[in-house]
Amino acid sequence: MDSSKLTKEKRKALRKASVEIVKGRNDETILDAARELADLAVPKKKEEPGRTGLRVSKEYITEIAMSVRKTMRNKERMRLLVTALWSAGHDEARLLGALILAPSLVARDEETETANIAYVRELLLQTKNQLVLDALAEAVSDEVEAGRGSSWMDSMNAWAKESEIRLQTFGLSMYGHLFSRGLSPEKLFDAFQLAKRLLPTEDPEVAKAIVSMLVSCLKKHEPAVVRFLAKVEHEEGETAEFVWEEISGRLDAAQEAQPDAELVT
């Protein structure tokens, strides 16, 4: 199946196949379902040594994930399925697991939320694929958006102090998803505080993550970004310099495209 062009017929076939795989499963047969879904995620393609990136499009895998989420309502089994997909060992299965994950992160009490945080931490440390990491951040953003994410934000602030880059930048990615959807302006202060805390970190991946988060704010929260940029201008270090140059360049380009618009400061 050519995943680059998802026709109506291919979408229908994918939905039917993924629904049939998970329908009626119990705990004992979740592993079988995971194997079948992992095979569906990489149709007729074998693992290639040294390969980077996905062998199919994210759109293709998302189509499978959405069907599974609509069919599988049991959160515990969904979590088992995600864990089994992670164990499949290839990025396509892990991306599928990350896209399925969000409903199983819903927590009504602190104990469950703490367990969820530990679970996501374990998952993200098992992959370096940026699409998979981004999908995990998006799953967490759904929970934070719902107003149940105070422990998540505390954890992401703590992760920012660790040496592992995936932990350091995870919070920035999560905030980026919120702001790109025009949501949670009350979280801007927390996001900017996290970014400022990371400015001394001289790692290009951190710098890129900060820029990406700020770019997600530009459409709805440009004045706040401008105020943040004014503070960054006086910071020392390569990360601060890169962030200032990238964002100020985007603001200048936007101003030139609309010469009559005044930049709010």
Protein backbone atom coordinates (compact mmCIF):
# COMPACT_ATOMS: atom_id res chain seq x y z
CA MET A 1 0.00 0.00 0.00
CA ASP A 2 1.45 3.38 -1.03
CA SER A 3 1.29 5.47 2.14
CA SER A 4 2.15 8.74 0.40
CA LYS A 5 -1.33 9.03 -1.13
CA LEU A 6 -4.16 8.01 1.16
CA THR A 7 -7.18 7.77 -1.09
CA LYS A 8 -10.68 7.34 0.28
CA GLU A 9 -10.49 3.61 -0.44
CA LYS A 10 -7.15 3.22 1.32
CA ARG A 11 -8.40 5.13 4.35
CA LYS A 12 -11.44 2.88 4.52
CA ALA A 13 -9.28 -0.24 4.26
CA LEU A 14 -6.94 1.01 6.98
CA ARG A 15 -9.79 1.83 9.33
CA LYS A 16 -11.40 -1.54 8.77
CA ALA A 17 -8.14 -3.43 9.29
CA SER A 18 -7.19 -1.57 12.47
CA VAL A 19 -10.69 -1.88 13.94
CA GLU A 20 -10.73 -5.63 13.29
CA ILE A 21 -7.34 -6.03 14.93
CA VAL A 22 -8.34 -4.50 18.27
CA LYS A 23 -12.04 -5.39 18.39
CA GLY A 24 -12.93 -7.79 21.18
CA ARG A 25 -9.38 -8.12 22.48
CA ASN A 26 -8.75 -9.01 26.11
CA ASP A 27 -5.57 -8.57 28.13
CA GLU A 28 -4.19 -11.93 27.04
CA THR A 29 -4.47 -11.16 23.32
CA ILE A 30 -3.12 -7.59 23.37
CA LEU A 31 0.36 -8.79 22.38
CA ASP A 32 -1.12 -10.43 19.29
CA ALA A 33 -2.92 -7.19 18.46
CA ALA A 34 0.31 -5.22 18.85
CA ARG A 35 2.14 -7.52 16.45
CA GLU A 36 -0.62 -7.22 13.88
CA LEU A 37 -0.75 -3.43 14.21
CA ALA A 38 3.05 -3.19 13.96
CA ASP A 39 2.89 -5.18 10.72
CA LEU A 40 0.09 -2.94 9.45
CA ALA A 41 2.19 0.15 10.25
CA VAL A 42 5.00 -1.01 7.95
CA PRO A 43 3.29 -2.77 5.01
CA LYS A 44 5.55 -5.02 2.94
CA LYS A 45 8.70 -3.25 4.07
CA LYS A 46 11.62 -4.68 6.03
CA GLU A 47 13.95 -3.02 8.50
CA GLU A 48 16.87 -1.37 6.73
CA PRO A 49 20.21 -1.24 8.62
CA GLY A 50 21.36 2.33 9.19
CA ARG A 51 18.03 3.77 8.06
CA THR A 52 16.82 6.99 9.70
CA GLY A 53 13.30 8.36 9.54
CA LEU A 54 10.03 6.57 8.86
CA ARG A 55 9.40 4.12 6.05
CA VAL A 56 5.80 5.31 5.74
CA SER A 57 4.16 8.70 6.19
CA LYS A 58 3.00 10.00 9.56
CA GLU A 59 -0.41 10.51 7.95
CA TYR A 60 -0.63 6.79 7.24
CA ILE A 61 0.16 5.84 10.85
CA THR A 62 -2.17 8.52 12.21
CA GLU A 63 -5.03 7.00 10.25
CA ILE A 64 -4.45 3.67 11.99
CA ALA A 65 -4.09 5.30 15.41
CA MET A 66 -7.33 7.25 15.18
CA SER A 67 -9.26 4.09 14.30
CA VAL A 68 -7.76 2.25 17.26
CA ARG A 69 -8.59 5.11 19.63
CA LYS A 70 -12.21 5.13 18.50
CA THR A 71 -12.54 1.37 18.88
CA MET A 72 -10.57 0.60 22.05
CA ARG A 73 -12.26 2.25 25.04
CA ASN A 74 -10.55 0.34 27.85
CA LYS A 75 -7.68 2.55 29.10
CA GLU A 76 -5.79 -0.29 30.76
CA ARG A 77 -5.77 -2.37 27.58
CA MET A 78 -4.82 0.68 25.58
CA ARG A 79 -1.80 1.14 27.85
CA LEU A 80 -0.86 -2.51 27.42
CA LEU A 81 -1.11 -2.06 23.66
CA VAL A 82 1.15 1.02 23.71
CA THR A 83 3.76 -0.83 25.78
CA ALA A 84 3.67 -3.79 23.41
CA LEU A 85 4.02 -1.52 20.36
CA TRP A 86 7.04 0.13 21.99
CA SER A 87 8.58 -3.30 22.41
CA ALA A 88 8.23 -3.95 18.67
CA GLY A 89 11.49 -2.04 18.33
CA HIS A 90 10.86 0.10 15.23
CA ASP A 91 9.94 3.77 14.97
CA GLU A 92 6.73 3.20 13.04
CA ALA A 93 5.26 1.03 15.81
CA ARG A 94 6.43 3.47 18.47
CA LEU A 95 4.88 6.40 16.62
CA LEU A 96 1.64 4.44 16.42
CA GLY A 97 1.85 3.80 20.16
CA ALA A 98 2.49 7.48 20.91
CA LEU A 99 -0.49 8.53 18.79
CA ILE A 100 -2.73 6.03 20.60
CA LEU A 101 -1.48 7.03 24.06
CA ALA A 102 -3.38 10.24 24.95
CA PRO A 103 -6.69 8.77 26.24
CA SER A 104 -4.84 6.46 28.62
CA LEU A 105 -3.11 9.43 30.29
CA VAL A 106 -6.34 10.83 31.73
CA ALA A 107 -5.84 10.93 35.51
CA ARG A 108 -8.37 11.78 38.21
CA ASP A 109 -5.98 11.50 41.14
CA GLU A 110 -2.39 12.37 41.98
CA GLU A 111 -1.23 8.76 42.28
CA THR A 112 -2.38 7.93 38.74
CA GLU A 113 -0.83 11.10 37.33
CA THR A 114 2.49 10.33 39.02
CA ALA A 115 2.45 6.84 37.48
CA ASN A 116 1.62 8.33 34.06
CA ILE A 117 4.55 10.74 34.28
CA ALA A 118 6.95 7.90 35.11
CA TYR A 119 5.53 5.86 32.22
CA VAL A 120 5.99 8.64 29.64
CA ARG A 121 9.50 9.32 30.90
CA GLU A 122 10.35 5.66 30.35
CA LEU A 123 8.93 5.74 26.83
CA LEU A 124 10.71 8.89 25.69
CA LEU A 125 14.07 7.62 26.91
CA GLN A 126 13.65 4.57 24.65
CA THR A 127 13.45 6.53 21.39
CA LYS A 128 15.44 9.22 19.61
CA ASN A 129 13.06 9.66 16.69
CA GLN A 130 11.85 13.26 16.71
CA LEU A 131 8.41 12.41 15.32
CA VAL A 132 7.83 9.91 18.11
CA LEU A 133 9.05 12.34 20.78
CA ASP A 134 6.82 15.04 19.33
CA ALA A 135 3.80 12.72 19.37
CA LEU A 136 4.46 11.94 23.05
CA ALA A 137 4.58 15.67 23.82
CA GLU A 138 1.30 16.18 21.97
CA ALA A 139 -0.32 13.39 24.01
CA VAL A 140 0.74 15.08 27.24
CA SER A 141 -0.47 18.47 25.97
CA ASP A 142 -4.00 17.05 25.76
CA GLU A 143 -3.89 16.27 29.47
CA VAL A 144 -2.42 19.68 30.38
CA GLU A 145 -5.02 21.41 28.22
CA ALA A 146 -7.76 19.63 30.16
CA GLY A 147 -6.54 21.35 33.32
CA ARG A 148 -5.14 18.27 35.02
CA GLY A 149 -1.47 18.90 34.32
CA SER A 150 0.08 20.65 37.32
CA SER A 151 2.23 17.62 38.19
CA TRP A 152 3.28 17.34 34.54
CA MET A 153 4.56 20.92 34.54
CA ASP A 154 6.44 20.38 37.80
CA SER A 155 8.05 17.28 36.31
CA MET A 156 9.03 19.02 33.08
CA ASN A 157 10.68 21.80 35.07
CA ALA A 158 12.63 19.14 36.96
CA TRP A 159 13.53 17.32 33.73
CA ALA A 160 14.97 20.55 32.32
CA LYS A 161 17.75 20.31 34.93
CA GLU A 162 18.85 16.84 33.77
CA SER A 163 21.62 16.16 31.28
CA GLU A 164 19.50 14.13 28.84
CA ILE A 165 18.43 16.37 25.95
CA ARG A 166 15.15 14.52 25.41
CA LEU A 167 14.11 15.32 28.96
CA GLN A 168 15.33 18.91 28.80
CA THR A 169 13.32 19.82 25.70
CA PHE A 170 10.17 17.76 26.29
CA GLY A 171 8.35 20.54 28.11
CA LEU A 172 9.10 23.04 25.35
CA SER A 173 7.62 20.66 22.79
CA MET A 174 4.52 20.13 24.94
CA TYR A 175 3.95 23.88 25.33
CA GLY A 176 4.50 24.32 21.60
CA HIS A 177 1.56 22.03 20.87
CA LEU A 178 -0.69 24.00 23.21
CA PHE A 179 0.22 27.38 21.77
CA SER A 180 0.10 26.27 18.13
CA ARG A 181 -3.55 25.38 18.74
CA GLY A 182 -4.13 28.84 20.22
CA LEU A 183 -4.77 27.33 23.65
CA SER A 184 -3.76 27.97 27.26
CA PRO A 185 -2.38 31.55 27.14
CA GLU A 186 -2.18 31.34 30.94
CA LYS A 187 0.68 28.85 30.44
CA LEU A 188 2.86 31.41 28.60
CA PHE A 189 4.62 32.49 31.79
CA ASP A 190 5.50 28.89 32.69
CA ALA A 191 6.72 28.17 29.15
CA PHE A 192 8.89 31.28 28.98
CA GLN A 193 10.32 30.59 32.44
CA LEU A 194 11.28 27.10 31.27
CA ALA A 195 12.90 28.51 28.12
CA LYS A 196 14.83 31.12 30.12
CA ARG A 197 16.03 28.43 32.51
CA LEU A 198 17.48 26.53 29.54
CA LEU A 199 19.27 29.46 27.89
CA PRO A 200 22.67 28.69 29.49
CA THR A 201 22.53 25.17 27.98
CA GLU A 202 24.92 25.31 25.03
CA ASP A 203 23.31 22.57 22.97
CA PRO A 204 21.96 23.34 19.48
CA GLU A 205 18.98 21.03 20.06
CA VAL A 206 17.92 23.09 23.08
CA ALA A 207 18.22 26.28 21.05
CA LYS A 208 16.08 24.81 18.27
CA ALA A 209 13.47 23.62 20.77
CA ILE A 210 13.20 27.09 22.32
CA VAL A 211 12.83 28.67 18.88
CA SER A 212 10.17 26.14 17.88
CA MET A 213 8.16 26.85 21.04
CA LEU A 214 8.37 30.62 20.49
CA VAL A 215 7.35 30.28 16.85
CA SER A 216 4.22 28.43 17.97
CA CYS A 217 3.32 31.53 20.03
CA LEU A 218 3.79 34.12 17.29
CA LYS A 219 0.36 33.88 15.68
CA LYS A 220 -1.69 34.40 18.85
CA HIS A 221 0.79 35.81 21.37
CA GLU A 222 3.29 37.95 19.46
CA PRO A 223 3.46 40.75 22.08
CA ALA A 224 4.46 38.23 24.75
CA VAL A 225 7.17 36.83 22.47
CA VAL A 226 8.51 40.34 21.84
CA ARG A 227 8.75 40.99 25.58
CA PHE A 228 10.55 37.69 26.07
CA LEU A 229 12.93 38.53 23.24
CA ALA A 230 13.83 41.84 24.89
CA LYS A 231 15.04 39.88 27.92
CA VAL A 232 16.93 37.33 25.82
CA GLU A 233 18.84 40.11 24.04
CA HIS A 234 20.83 40.77 27.21
CA GLU A 235 21.64 37.12 27.91
CA GLU A 236 25.08 35.75 27.09
CA GLY A 237 25.84 32.49 25.31
CA GLU A 238 25.31 30.81 21.95
CA THR A 239 21.80 29.56 22.77
CA ALA A 240 20.51 33.02 23.70
CA GLU A 241 22.17 34.53 20.62
CA PHE A 242 20.66 31.91 18.31
CA VAL A 243 17.18 32.34 19.79
CA TRP A 244 17.35 36.13 19.55
CA GLU A 245 18.56 36.09 15.94
CA GLU A 246 16.03 33.50 14.77
CA ILE A 247 12.95 35.06 16.39
CA SER A 248 13.86 38.70 15.74
CA GLY A 249 14.49 37.73 12.12
CA ARG A 250 11.01 36.23 11.86
CA LEU A 251 9.46 39.31 13.46
CA ASP A 252 11.34 41.60 11.07
CA ALA A 253 10.21 39.51 8.09
CA ALA A 254 6.60 39.65 9.28
CA GLN A 255 6.84 43.43 9.66
CA GLU A 256 8.25 43.83 6.17
CA ALA A 257 5.40 41.75 4.78
CA GLN A 258 2.93 44.12 6.48
CA PRO A 259 4.66 47.51 6.46
CA ASP A 260 1.64 49.35 7.87
CA ALA A 261 1.32 47.10 10.90
CA GLU A 262 2.93 48.32 14.09
CA LEU A 263 4.94 45.90 16.18
CA VAL A 264 3.42 45.72 19.64
CA THR A 265 5.98 45.88 22.44
